[in-house]
Structure formats: structure tokens, C-alpha cells
N, C-alpha and C. Protein backbone atom coordinates (compact mmCIF):
# COMPACT_ATOMS: atom_id res chain seq x y z
N MET A 1 98.21 27.65 128.42
CA MET A 1 97.79 27.97 127.08
C MET A 1 99.00 28.10 126.18
N GLY A 2 98.80 27.72 124.94
CA GLY A 2 99.88 27.80 123.97
C GLY A 2 99.85 29.12 123.22
N GLN A 3 100.44 29.10 122.07
CA GLN A 3 100.49 30.27 121.20
C GLN A 3 99.42 30.17 120.13
N ALA A 4 98.90 31.32 119.71
CA ALA A 4 97.97 31.33 118.58
C ALA A 4 98.74 30.94 117.33
N ARG A 5 98.11 30.09 116.53
CA ARG A 5 98.72 29.63 115.28
C ARG A 5 97.76 29.90 114.14
N GLU A 6 98.31 29.92 112.93
CA GLU A 6 97.48 30.17 111.75
C GLU A 6 97.08 28.86 111.09
N PHE A 7 95.83 28.81 110.64
CA PHE A 7 95.28 27.65 109.96
C PHE A 7 94.48 28.14 108.76
N PHE A 8 94.31 27.29 107.78
CA PHE A 8 93.46 27.59 106.63
C PHE A 8 92.29 26.62 106.63
N PHE A 9 91.07 27.15 106.57
CA PHE A 9 89.88 26.33 106.39
C PHE A 9 88.78 27.20 105.83
N LYS A 10 87.70 26.58 105.37
CA LYS A 10 86.65 27.37 104.74
C LYS A 10 85.83 28.13 105.77
N ASP A 11 85.26 29.23 105.33
CA ASP A 11 84.44 30.07 106.18
C ASP A 11 83.02 29.51 106.18
N TYR A 12 82.62 28.92 107.29
CA TYR A 12 81.32 28.27 107.37
C TYR A 12 80.16 29.26 107.51
N ARG A 13 80.47 30.53 107.72
CA ARG A 13 79.39 31.52 107.83
C ARG A 13 78.71 31.77 106.50
N ASP A 14 79.48 31.76 105.42
CA ASP A 14 78.90 32.10 104.12
C ASP A 14 78.77 30.91 103.18
N GLY A 15 79.15 29.73 103.62
CA GLY A 15 79.01 28.53 102.80
C GLY A 15 79.99 28.47 101.64
N SER A 16 81.00 29.33 101.64
CA SER A 16 81.96 29.32 100.54
C SER A 16 82.83 28.06 100.60
N THR A 17 83.39 27.72 99.47
CA THR A 17 84.27 26.56 99.43
C THR A 17 85.74 26.97 99.45
N SER A 18 86.02 28.26 99.28
CA SER A 18 87.41 28.70 99.33
C SER A 18 87.86 28.84 100.78
N GLU A 19 89.13 28.59 100.99
CA GLU A 19 89.68 28.65 102.35
C GLU A 19 90.18 30.05 102.67
N LYS A 20 90.08 30.39 103.95
CA LYS A 20 90.60 31.66 104.46
C LYS A 20 91.61 31.36 105.55
N LYS A 21 92.38 32.39 105.92
CA LYS A 21 93.38 32.23 106.96
C LYS A 21 92.76 32.61 108.31
N PHE A 22 92.91 31.72 109.29
CA PHE A 22 92.39 31.92 110.63
C PHE A 22 93.54 31.84 111.63
N ARG A 23 93.37 32.53 112.74
CA ARG A 23 94.36 32.48 113.81
C ARG A 23 93.64 32.08 115.09
N LEU A 24 94.16 31.04 115.76
CA LEU A 24 93.55 30.55 117.00
C LEU A 24 94.56 29.75 117.79
N ASP A 25 94.26 29.55 119.05
CA ASP A 25 95.07 28.71 119.93
C ASP A 25 94.22 27.51 120.32
N PRO A 26 94.51 26.31 119.77
CA PRO A 26 93.69 25.14 120.08
C PRO A 26 93.71 24.73 121.55
N ASP A 27 94.64 25.30 122.33
CA ASP A 27 94.73 24.97 123.75
C ASP A 27 93.99 25.98 124.63
N ASP A 28 93.42 27.02 124.03
CA ASP A 28 92.70 28.05 124.79
C ASP A 28 91.20 27.84 124.61
N TRP A 29 90.61 27.07 125.53
CA TRP A 29 89.20 26.72 125.42
C TRP A 29 88.54 26.77 126.79
N VAL A 30 87.22 26.76 126.77
CA VAL A 30 86.43 26.71 128.00
C VAL A 30 85.38 25.62 127.82
N GLU A 31 85.16 24.84 128.86
CA GLU A 31 84.15 23.79 128.78
C GLU A 31 82.79 24.39 129.12
N LEU A 32 81.83 24.22 128.20
CA LEU A 32 80.50 24.79 128.36
C LEU A 32 79.44 23.72 128.15
N GLU A 33 78.30 23.94 128.77
CA GLU A 33 77.16 23.04 128.54
C GLU A 33 76.55 23.36 127.19
N CYS A 34 76.04 22.33 126.54
CA CYS A 34 75.38 22.51 125.25
C CYS A 34 74.01 21.82 125.31
N GLY A 35 73.17 22.14 124.35
CA GLY A 35 71.81 21.63 124.36
C GLY A 35 71.54 20.52 123.38
N CYS A 36 72.56 20.07 122.67
CA CYS A 36 72.36 18.97 121.72
C CYS A 36 73.64 18.16 121.60
N VAL A 37 73.53 17.05 120.91
CA VAL A 37 74.69 16.20 120.67
C VAL A 37 75.25 16.54 119.29
N TYR A 38 76.54 16.79 119.23
CA TYR A 38 77.21 17.05 117.95
C TYR A 38 77.73 15.71 117.44
N PRO A 39 77.12 15.18 116.36
CA PRO A 39 77.44 13.82 115.91
C PRO A 39 78.92 13.57 115.64
N SER A 40 79.65 14.58 115.18
CA SER A 40 81.04 14.34 114.81
C SER A 40 82.03 14.71 115.92
N TYR A 41 81.52 15.00 117.12
CA TYR A 41 82.38 15.41 118.23
C TYR A 41 82.10 14.54 119.44
N SER A 42 83.14 14.05 120.05
CA SER A 42 82.92 13.24 121.25
C SER A 42 83.51 13.97 122.45
N SER A 43 82.80 13.88 123.56
CA SER A 43 83.23 14.51 124.80
C SER A 43 83.12 13.48 125.91
N SER A 44 84.00 13.58 126.87
CA SER A 44 83.95 12.63 127.98
C SER A 44 82.76 12.91 128.89
N THR A 45 82.23 14.12 128.84
CA THR A 45 81.07 14.49 129.65
C THR A 45 79.90 14.81 128.72
N PRO A 46 78.80 14.07 128.84
CA PRO A 46 77.65 14.33 127.96
C PRO A 46 77.14 15.76 128.09
N ARG A 47 76.71 16.31 126.99
CA ARG A 47 76.15 17.67 126.91
C ARG A 47 77.12 18.76 127.32
N THR A 48 78.42 18.53 127.11
CA THR A 48 79.41 19.59 127.26
C THR A 48 80.34 19.56 126.05
N VAL A 49 80.88 20.73 125.74
CA VAL A 49 81.86 20.85 124.66
C VAL A 49 82.98 21.76 125.14
N ARG A 50 84.10 21.67 124.48
CA ARG A 50 85.24 22.55 124.77
C ARG A 50 85.31 23.59 123.66
N LEU A 51 84.74 24.74 123.91
CA LEU A 51 84.63 25.79 122.90
C LEU A 51 85.88 26.66 122.92
N LEU A 52 86.44 26.93 121.72
CA LEU A 52 87.60 27.81 121.64
C LEU A 52 87.20 29.22 122.06
N ARG A 53 88.07 29.87 122.82
CA ARG A 53 87.77 31.20 123.35
C ARG A 53 87.87 32.31 122.32
N LYS A 54 88.88 32.26 121.46
CA LYS A 54 89.13 33.38 120.55
C LYS A 54 89.60 32.87 119.20
N ILE A 55 88.93 33.34 118.15
CA ILE A 55 89.29 33.00 116.78
C ILE A 55 89.30 34.29 115.98
N GLU A 56 90.27 34.43 115.10
CA GLU A 56 90.33 35.59 114.21
C GLU A 56 90.44 35.11 112.78
N VAL A 57 89.89 35.90 111.85
CA VAL A 57 89.98 35.60 110.43
C VAL A 57 90.69 36.77 109.76
N CYS A 58 91.52 36.46 108.77
CA CYS A 58 92.23 37.49 108.02
C CYS A 58 91.47 37.75 106.72
N GLU A 59 90.95 38.96 106.60
CA GLU A 59 90.23 39.36 105.39
C GLU A 59 90.77 40.70 104.94
N GLY A 60 91.23 40.76 103.69
CA GLY A 60 91.80 42.00 103.17
C GLY A 60 93.05 42.43 103.90
N GLY A 61 93.80 41.47 104.43
CA GLY A 61 95.03 41.77 105.14
C GLY A 61 94.85 42.20 106.58
N GLU A 62 93.61 42.26 107.06
CA GLU A 62 93.32 42.68 108.43
C GLU A 62 92.72 41.52 109.23
N TRP A 63 93.10 41.39 110.50
CA TRP A 63 92.55 40.38 111.39
C TRP A 63 91.31 40.93 112.07
N SER A 64 90.25 40.13 112.10
CA SER A 64 89.02 40.53 112.79
C SER A 64 88.45 39.33 113.53
N PRO A 65 87.60 39.58 114.56
CA PRO A 65 87.03 38.47 115.33
C PRO A 65 86.17 37.55 114.45
N TYR A 66 86.22 36.27 114.76
CA TYR A 66 85.41 35.26 114.08
C TYR A 66 84.67 34.50 115.18
N PRO A 67 83.40 34.20 114.97
CA PRO A 67 82.63 33.55 116.05
C PRO A 67 83.09 32.12 116.32
N SER A 68 83.20 31.80 117.60
CA SER A 68 83.51 30.43 118.00
C SER A 68 82.28 29.55 117.88
N VAL A 69 81.12 30.18 117.93
CA VAL A 69 79.85 29.47 117.74
C VAL A 69 78.89 30.42 117.03
N PHE A 70 78.17 29.88 116.05
CA PHE A 70 77.16 30.70 115.39
C PHE A 70 75.96 29.86 115.01
N TRP A 71 74.83 30.54 114.97
CA TRP A 71 73.54 29.94 114.72
C TRP A 71 73.13 30.36 113.32
N VAL A 72 72.85 29.39 112.46
CA VAL A 72 72.44 29.66 111.08
C VAL A 72 70.93 29.43 110.97
N ASP A 73 70.22 30.45 110.49
CA ASP A 73 68.78 30.38 110.28
C ASP A 73 68.50 30.98 108.91
N ALA A 74 68.56 30.15 107.88
CA ALA A 74 68.40 30.64 106.51
C ALA A 74 67.64 29.62 105.67
N ASP A 75 66.60 30.08 105.00
CA ASP A 75 65.79 29.23 104.13
C ASP A 75 65.41 27.93 104.83
N GLU A 76 65.91 26.81 104.32
CA GLU A 76 65.59 25.49 104.87
C GLU A 76 66.59 25.03 105.94
N ALA A 77 67.52 25.90 106.32
CA ALA A 77 68.57 25.52 107.26
C ALA A 77 68.35 26.16 108.62
N LEU A 78 68.53 25.38 109.66
CA LEU A 78 68.47 25.87 111.04
C LEU A 78 69.39 24.97 111.87
N TYR A 79 70.59 25.47 112.18
CA TYR A 79 71.56 24.66 112.91
C TYR A 79 72.61 25.56 113.57
N THR A 80 73.46 24.96 114.37
CA THR A 80 74.54 25.66 115.05
C THR A 80 75.87 25.07 114.59
N VAL A 81 76.85 25.94 114.38
CA VAL A 81 78.22 25.51 114.08
C VAL A 81 79.09 25.98 115.25
N ALA A 82 79.93 25.09 115.76
CA ALA A 82 80.81 25.42 116.87
C ALA A 82 82.23 24.95 116.55
N ILE A 83 83.20 25.76 116.91
CA ILE A 83 84.60 25.39 116.69
C ILE A 83 85.14 24.96 118.06
N LEU A 84 85.41 23.67 118.15
CA LEU A 84 85.66 23.02 119.43
C LEU A 84 87.09 22.51 119.54
N ALA A 85 87.60 22.49 120.75
CA ALA A 85 88.93 21.95 121.01
C ALA A 85 88.85 20.45 121.23
N ASP A 86 89.85 19.76 120.74
CA ASP A 86 90.01 18.33 121.02
C ASP A 86 91.20 18.21 121.96
N SER A 87 90.91 18.09 123.24
CA SER A 87 91.98 18.13 124.24
C SER A 87 92.93 16.95 124.17
N SER A 88 92.54 15.89 123.48
CA SER A 88 93.39 14.71 123.43
C SER A 88 94.65 14.93 122.61
N ASP A 89 94.59 15.80 121.59
CA ASP A 89 95.77 15.99 120.76
C ASP A 89 96.07 17.45 120.45
N GLY A 90 95.39 18.41 121.11
CA GLY A 90 95.68 19.82 120.90
C GLY A 90 95.21 20.36 119.56
N SER A 91 94.26 19.69 118.94
CA SER A 91 93.73 20.17 117.67
C SER A 91 92.36 20.79 117.90
N PHE A 92 91.67 21.14 116.83
CA PHE A 92 90.32 21.67 116.95
C PHE A 92 89.43 20.97 115.94
N HIS A 93 88.14 21.13 116.13
CA HIS A 93 87.15 20.41 115.34
C HIS A 93 85.99 21.35 115.04
N ILE A 94 85.53 21.37 113.81
CA ILE A 94 84.37 22.18 113.44
C ILE A 94 83.17 21.25 113.44
N ALA A 95 82.25 21.51 114.37
CA ALA A 95 81.10 20.62 114.56
C ALA A 95 79.81 21.36 114.22
N GLN A 96 78.87 20.63 113.68
CA GLN A 96 77.57 21.19 113.32
C GLN A 96 76.47 20.36 113.95
N SER A 97 75.50 21.05 114.52
CA SER A 97 74.34 20.34 115.08
C SER A 97 73.50 19.80 113.93
N PRO A 98 72.67 18.81 114.17
CA PRO A 98 71.78 18.33 113.12
C PRO A 98 70.85 19.45 112.66
N ASN A 99 70.50 19.47 111.37
CA ASN A 99 69.60 20.49 110.84
C ASN A 99 68.28 20.43 111.60
N GLY A 100 67.77 21.59 111.96
CA GLY A 100 66.53 21.67 112.72
C GLY A 100 66.74 21.63 114.22
N VAL A 101 68.01 21.51 114.67
CA VAL A 101 68.31 21.43 116.09
C VAL A 101 69.36 22.48 116.45
N PRO A 102 68.96 23.76 116.49
CA PRO A 102 69.93 24.78 116.88
C PRO A 102 70.23 24.68 118.38
N ASP A 103 71.41 25.06 118.77
CA ASP A 103 71.86 24.91 120.16
C ASP A 103 71.84 26.25 120.89
N GLY A 104 70.66 26.63 121.35
CA GLY A 104 70.52 27.88 122.09
C GLY A 104 71.27 27.87 123.41
N ALA A 105 71.36 26.72 124.05
CA ALA A 105 72.07 26.62 125.33
C ALA A 105 73.55 26.96 125.16
N LEU A 106 74.18 26.46 124.11
CA LEU A 106 75.59 26.75 123.87
C LEU A 106 75.79 28.22 123.50
N MET A 107 74.90 28.77 122.68
CA MET A 107 75.00 30.19 122.32
C MET A 107 74.95 31.06 123.57
N LEU A 108 74.00 30.80 124.46
CA LEU A 108 73.87 31.60 125.67
C LEU A 108 75.08 31.43 126.60
N ALA A 109 75.53 30.20 126.75
CA ALA A 109 76.70 29.95 127.61
C ALA A 109 77.94 30.65 127.06
N ALA A 110 78.11 30.63 125.73
CA ALA A 110 79.26 31.29 125.11
C ALA A 110 79.18 32.80 125.31
N GLU A 111 78.00 33.37 125.11
CA GLU A 111 77.84 34.81 125.30
C GLU A 111 78.14 35.20 126.74
N LYS A 112 77.66 34.41 127.71
CA LYS A 112 77.93 34.69 129.12
C LYS A 112 79.42 34.61 129.44
N ALA A 113 80.14 33.73 128.72
CA ALA A 113 81.58 33.56 128.93
C ALA A 113 82.39 34.61 128.18
N GLY A 114 81.72 35.51 127.45
CA GLY A 114 82.42 36.57 126.72
C GLY A 114 83.02 36.12 125.40
N ILE A 115 82.52 35.03 124.87
CA ILE A 115 83.03 34.49 123.61
C ILE A 115 82.23 35.06 122.45
N HIS A 116 82.91 35.39 121.37
CA HIS A 116 82.27 35.98 120.19
C HIS A 116 81.33 34.97 119.52
N THR A 117 80.07 35.38 119.35
CA THR A 117 79.04 34.54 118.69
C THR A 117 78.38 35.37 117.60
N GLU A 118 77.65 34.70 116.70
CA GLU A 118 76.89 35.41 115.66
C GLU A 118 75.63 34.64 115.33
N MET A 119 74.61 35.39 114.90
CA MET A 119 73.39 34.82 114.33
C MET A 119 73.45 35.13 112.84
N ILE A 120 73.24 34.14 112.01
CA ILE A 120 73.33 34.33 110.56
C ILE A 120 71.98 33.96 109.94
N ASP A 121 71.37 34.93 109.22
CA ASP A 121 70.13 34.62 108.50
C ASP A 121 70.26 34.96 107.06
């Protein structure tokens, strides 16, 4: 595993367009089974993803846990967002399941692995 590094990207939990500071190690991941295909993510093994183990967000000058996977259930939206490792180049990828196809299998697998998850309504 490498060192945690800081990145800036938008907070997908609240749909904001402003970027926040995040801290993560793109090399610290676990391969888990998932229940759907993430269109923008490719894996060598079908129905598996490389989920990042630990992500933190800096808010108000303090670091706090940020979910590696979260399920959004709000109004007309029902989907899963997962922050995944791309092992080919040591980067990470933010993937979203198709609307109407939440990934309960990935949420359960992440929780069993001790990874921070959230349900957002």
C-alpha cells in the first residue's frame, strides 16, 4: 500500500458542484462482489469491483470519514455511487450504477469488510 494523498473533487452525496478536499490511498482497496455493472468502470472479473478501503473529507478544517460506497434514494433517483480503484495505473474512479439499479450486494459486502458506507435519502 502507498501513502494517502489529497485530491479535490465534488461531493457526490449532496449533488454540489463545488469541489472539496479528500484524502485517500488509491492503492488501498479490496476486491468485492457487486450486483450490477457500472457502465464507466471496467474490471477483469465480471461483477467485481476494487473498492477503496478508506476515504476522508476535509470540512471546516477537520478530517472525517467519507463513504467508499453510498446508496442514494431521493425523489426520482435510486442508484449507488462507489469510489473504485483502477489497479492499472494507481488512480481511482467514481462510478455510478444506472438509475433505478441500486447495488445492495456491494453495500452489504462493503459493510461486512468494515468499509464506511451511507444511505442518502
